[in-house]
Amino acid sequence: MMKNLVPVTKLIGTFAFSFWALVMHTTLPLVILVVIELILLGLCGSLARNIKAVFSLAVFAVFLAVVQLLGGGSLESAYVTGLRMLAMTIVFIILLTTTRLQDLTAALVKQIKIPYEYAFMFTAALRFVPDFIAESKAVQEAQACRGLSTKGNVFKKVINYMSVVQPLMLKSLGRSETMALSLELRGFGSNEHSFMSNVRPKGRDYVGIVIMLALSCFVVYLRLQGLV
């Protein structure tokens, strides 16, 4: 279902879910929102592929809740803080797993009218994240084959990890220089841009946008009534 929508509709949906998470101040509605997002991720066929990322986010949500609790907050506010962060990040996973970055750039430029340079920087940063993670794993495996040990106390692990950070940073800098040269050769910065993808909203997209706007108004109404 999500894959049939154009990127601008998915962007509006992402911001809508994030807005709902910010408006909600009780635990149960946030739990329902997180469950709905996990169901959507499963319907997109991406839950199994991103289960580690979701688990990591859940661990970080627990950490935020503990920090909130230690900072003098109530148990309810700790739950809300963790669930809110989880809801606002899972929806971005849905966006990135169901949308090509080229289509996302085209939607930002053509529909939302963001300058191409800023749209490209945003999507390029998103493109670097999985590449950076893959390169990090490759460097760790290469260093492990050369006898790198990750055992010992925290300080020893940090010192040993520097042998991973240095080649990783050098590879990232090399990738950045190659990308900058490629952009320069392709005339990056010109005023004319063409996109191969057709990202114009269709009927189902307008229906989805109207539904999300209506739900946003309903959530605000419930918040004013103190029900969420």
Protein backbone atom coordinates (compact mmCIF):
# COMPACT_ATOMS: atom_id res chain seq x y z
CA MET A 1 0.00 0.00 0.00
CA MET A 2 2.74 2.47 0.99
CA LYS A 3 4.78 1.57 -2.09
CA ASN A 4 1.94 2.72 -4.37
CA LEU A 5 2.02 6.27 -3.01
CA VAL A 6 4.24 8.99 -4.44
CA PRO A 7 7.11 10.35 -2.31
CA VAL A 8 5.38 13.64 -1.41
CA THR A 9 2.47 11.70 0.11
CA LYS A 10 4.90 9.58 2.10
CA LEU A 11 6.67 12.72 3.30
CA ILE A 12 3.37 14.22 4.45
CA GLY A 13 2.53 10.93 6.16
CA THR A 14 5.92 10.89 7.89
CA PHE A 15 5.42 14.40 9.24
CA ALA A 16 1.84 13.54 10.20
CA PHE A 17 2.92 10.54 12.29
CA SER A 18 5.67 12.64 13.89
CA PHE A 19 3.13 15.38 14.65
CA TRP A 20 0.76 12.87 16.25
CA ALA A 21 3.61 11.54 18.40
CA LEU A 22 4.41 15.07 19.59
CA VAL A 23 0.77 15.89 20.36
CA MET A 24 0.07 12.70 22.31
CA HIS A 25 0.91 12.89 26.02
CA THR A 26 -0.33 9.54 27.31
CA THR A 27 1.14 6.07 27.03
CA LEU A 28 -1.66 4.04 25.41
CA PRO A 29 -2.15 6.19 22.27
CA LEU A 30 1.63 6.22 21.70
CA VAL A 31 1.78 2.43 22.06
CA ILE A 32 -1.03 2.12 19.49
CA LEU A 33 0.83 4.49 17.17
CA VAL A 34 4.05 2.46 17.42
CA VAL A 35 2.12 -0.78 16.78
CA ILE A 36 0.47 0.76 13.69
CA GLU A 37 3.89 1.80 12.37
CA LEU A 38 5.29 -1.70 12.92
CA ILE A 39 2.27 -3.16 11.08
CA LEU A 40 2.87 -0.75 8.18
CA LEU A 41 6.54 -1.72 8.15
CA GLY A 42 5.50 -5.36 8.00
CA LEU A 43 3.00 -4.73 5.20
CA CYS A 44 5.79 -3.09 3.22
CA GLY A 45 7.81 -6.30 3.58
CA SER A 46 10.63 -4.48 5.37
CA LEU A 47 10.15 -5.51 9.00
CA ALA A 48 12.45 -8.54 8.88
CA ARG A 49 15.14 -6.57 7.07
CA ASN A 50 15.00 -3.73 9.59
CA ILE A 51 14.37 -5.70 12.76
CA LYS A 52 17.88 -4.94 14.08
CA ALA A 53 17.38 -1.23 13.52
CA VAL A 54 14.00 -1.34 15.29
CA PHE A 55 15.56 -3.26 18.20
CA SER A 56 18.37 -0.69 18.46
CA LEU A 57 15.82 2.11 18.49
CA ALA A 58 13.87 0.30 21.20
CA VAL A 59 17.02 0.02 23.33
CA PHE A 60 17.71 3.73 22.83
CA ALA A 61 14.08 4.51 23.74
CA VAL A 62 14.52 2.62 27.01
CA PHE A 63 17.73 4.59 27.63
CA LEU A 64 15.89 7.89 27.11
CA ALA A 65 13.13 6.76 29.45
CA VAL A 66 15.68 5.89 32.15
CA VAL A 67 17.40 9.27 31.73
CA GLN A 68 14.03 11.00 32.02
CA LEU A 69 13.27 9.01 35.16
CA LEU A 70 16.65 9.75 36.74
CA GLY A 71 16.22 13.42 35.87
CA GLY A 72 13.24 13.68 38.18
CA GLY A 73 10.45 12.88 35.74
CA SER A 74 7.50 10.66 36.54
CA LEU A 75 7.15 7.09 35.33
CA GLU A 76 4.44 8.18 32.90
CA SER A 77 6.64 10.91 31.39
CA ALA A 78 9.50 8.41 31.03
CA TYR A 79 7.24 6.03 29.09
CA VAL A 80 5.97 8.90 26.92
CA THR A 81 9.51 10.11 26.12
CA GLY A 82 10.69 6.67 25.02
CA LEU A 83 7.58 5.84 23.01
CA ARG A 84 7.53 9.26 21.36
CA MET A 85 11.11 8.84 20.14
CA LEU A 86 10.34 5.34 18.91
CA ALA A 87 7.24 6.50 17.01
CA MET A 88 9.09 9.40 15.37
CA THR A 89 11.98 7.24 14.17
CA ILE A 90 10.19 4.10 12.95
CA VAL A 91 8.11 6.19 10.55
CA PHE A 92 11.33 7.48 8.95
CA ILE A 93 12.45 3.87 8.45
CA ILE A 94 9.18 3.27 6.59
CA LEU A 95 9.83 6.32 4.41
CA LEU A 96 13.38 5.30 3.54
CA THR A 97 12.61 1.64 2.87
CA THR A 98 9.67 2.37 0.55
CA THR A 99 11.07 5.36 -1.35
CA ARG A 100 13.98 5.65 -3.75
CA LEU A 101 16.23 8.57 -2.90
CA GLN A 102 16.07 9.80 -6.51
CA ASP A 103 12.28 9.97 -6.26
CA LEU A 104 12.52 11.69 -2.89
CA THR A 105 14.81 14.35 -4.36
CA ALA A 106 12.42 14.88 -7.27
CA ALA A 107 9.46 15.25 -4.90
CA LEU A 108 11.29 17.77 -2.71
CA VAL A 109 12.18 19.88 -5.75
CA LYS A 110 9.04 19.59 -7.89
CA GLN A 111 6.24 19.35 -5.32
CA ILE A 112 7.59 21.04 -2.17
CA LYS A 113 9.68 23.56 -4.17
CA ILE A 114 12.84 23.14 -2.10
CA PRO A 115 15.98 24.36 -3.93
CA TYR A 116 17.71 21.47 -5.65
CA GLU A 117 20.99 21.97 -3.78
CA TYR A 118 19.31 21.57 -0.36
CA ALA A 119 17.22 18.61 -1.51
CA PHE A 120 20.31 16.91 -2.89
CA MET A 121 22.27 17.48 0.34
CA PHE A 122 19.43 15.95 2.35
CA THR A 123 19.13 12.82 0.23
CA ALA A 124 22.92 12.51 -0.16
CA ALA A 125 23.25 12.45 3.62
CA LEU A 126 20.64 9.70 3.78
CA ARG A 127 22.50 7.79 1.07
CA PHE A 128 25.76 7.97 3.03
CA VAL A 129 24.29 6.34 6.17
CA PRO A 130 23.92 2.75 4.84
CA ASP A 131 27.19 3.09 2.91
CA PHE A 132 28.98 4.25 6.06
CA ILE A 133 27.56 1.34 8.08
CA ALA A 134 28.56 -1.19 5.40
CA GLU A 135 32.08 0.23 5.20
CA SER A 136 32.36 0.16 8.99
CA LYS A 137 31.54 -3.55 9.04
CA ALA A 138 34.00 -4.23 6.21
CA VAL A 139 36.81 -2.37 8.00
CA GLN A 140 36.09 -4.17 11.28
CA GLU A 141 36.23 -7.56 9.53
CA ALA A 142 39.46 -6.61 7.75
CA GLN A 143 41.08 -5.48 10.99
CA ALA A 144 39.86 -8.60 12.78
CA CYS A 145 41.58 -10.73 10.12
CA ARG A 146 44.76 -8.79 10.91
CA GLY A 147 44.53 -9.70 14.60
CA LEU A 148 42.47 -6.84 16.04
CA SER A 149 41.02 -7.86 19.41
CA THR A 150 37.83 -6.33 20.77
CA LYS A 151 38.13 -7.96 24.16
CA GLY A 152 39.05 -6.21 27.39
CA ASN A 153 37.65 -3.31 29.38
CA VAL A 154 35.91 -0.28 27.92
CA PHE A 155 39.07 1.83 27.65
CA LYS A 156 40.94 -0.92 25.81
CA LYS A 157 38.04 -1.39 23.40
CA VAL A 158 38.00 2.35 22.65
CA ILE A 159 41.76 2.37 21.98
CA ASN A 160 41.53 -0.69 19.75
CA TYR A 161 38.59 0.78 17.87
CA MET A 162 40.77 3.70 16.76
CA SER A 163 42.36 1.30 14.25
CA VAL A 164 38.90 1.01 12.71
CA VAL A 165 38.02 4.72 12.86
CA GLN A 166 41.13 5.92 11.02
CA PRO A 167 40.74 3.84 7.80
CA LEU A 168 36.98 4.39 7.93
CA MET A 169 37.42 8.17 7.96
CA LEU A 170 39.98 7.98 5.15
CA LYS A 171 37.57 5.90 3.03
CA SER A 172 34.75 8.36 3.75
CA LEU A 173 36.91 11.33 2.75
CA GLY A 174 37.92 9.54 -0.45
CA ARG A 175 34.26 8.84 -1.23
CA SER A 176 33.38 12.51 -0.61
CA GLU A 177 36.14 13.73 -2.94
CA THR A 178 35.04 11.30 -5.66
CA MET A 179 31.44 12.43 -5.29
CA ALA A 180 32.42 16.12 -5.42
CA LEU A 181 34.45 15.55 -8.60
CA SER A 182 31.60 13.60 -10.18
CA LEU A 183 29.12 16.38 -9.37
CA GLU A 184 31.43 19.00 -10.82
CA LEU A 185 31.86 17.04 -14.06
CA ARG A 186 28.08 16.67 -14.36
CA GLY A 187 27.49 20.40 -14.01
CA PHE A 188 26.07 20.45 -10.49
CA GLY A 189 24.75 23.90 -9.59
CA SER A 190 23.10 24.74 -12.91
CA ASN A 191 19.59 26.17 -12.90
CA GLU A 192 18.09 23.45 -15.11
CA HIS A 193 17.23 20.03 -13.69
CA SER A 194 15.40 17.09 -15.21
CA PHE A 195 14.04 14.02 -13.45
CA MET A 196 13.23 10.66 -14.97
CA SER A 197 10.74 9.72 -12.25
CA ASN A 198 7.09 10.74 -12.38
CA VAL A 199 6.30 11.84 -8.82
CA ARG A 200 3.09 13.74 -9.52
CA PRO A 201 0.35 12.89 -6.94
CA LYS A 202 -2.57 10.77 -8.14
CA GLY A 203 -6.10 10.28 -6.88
CA ARG A 204 -5.17 7.87 -4.09
CA ASP A 205 -2.48 10.29 -2.93
CA TYR A 206 -4.97 13.12 -2.53
CA VAL A 207 -7.30 10.78 -0.64
CA GLY A 208 -4.45 9.77 1.66
CA ILE A 209 -3.47 13.42 2.29
CA VAL A 210 -7.05 14.37 3.15
CA ILE A 211 -7.33 11.41 5.55
CA MET A 212 -4.08 12.37 7.29
CA LEU A 213 -5.17 15.99 7.63
CA ALA A 214 -8.50 14.87 9.09
CA LEU A 215 -6.75 12.53 11.51
CA SER A 216 -4.39 15.34 12.54
CA CYS A 217 -7.35 17.59 13.35
CA PHE A 218 -8.98 14.73 15.27
CA VAL A 219 -5.79 14.08 17.28
CA VAL A 220 -5.54 17.79 18.15
CA TYR A 221 -9.19 17.75 19.26
CA LEU A 222 -8.56 14.72 21.48
CA ARG A 223 -5.48 16.43 22.93
CA LEU A 224 -7.49 19.54 23.78
CA GLN A 225 -10.03 17.29 25.50
CA GLY A 226 -7.21 15.63 27.46
CA LEU A 227 -7.90 12.20 25.98
CA VAL A 228 -4.48 11.53 24.40
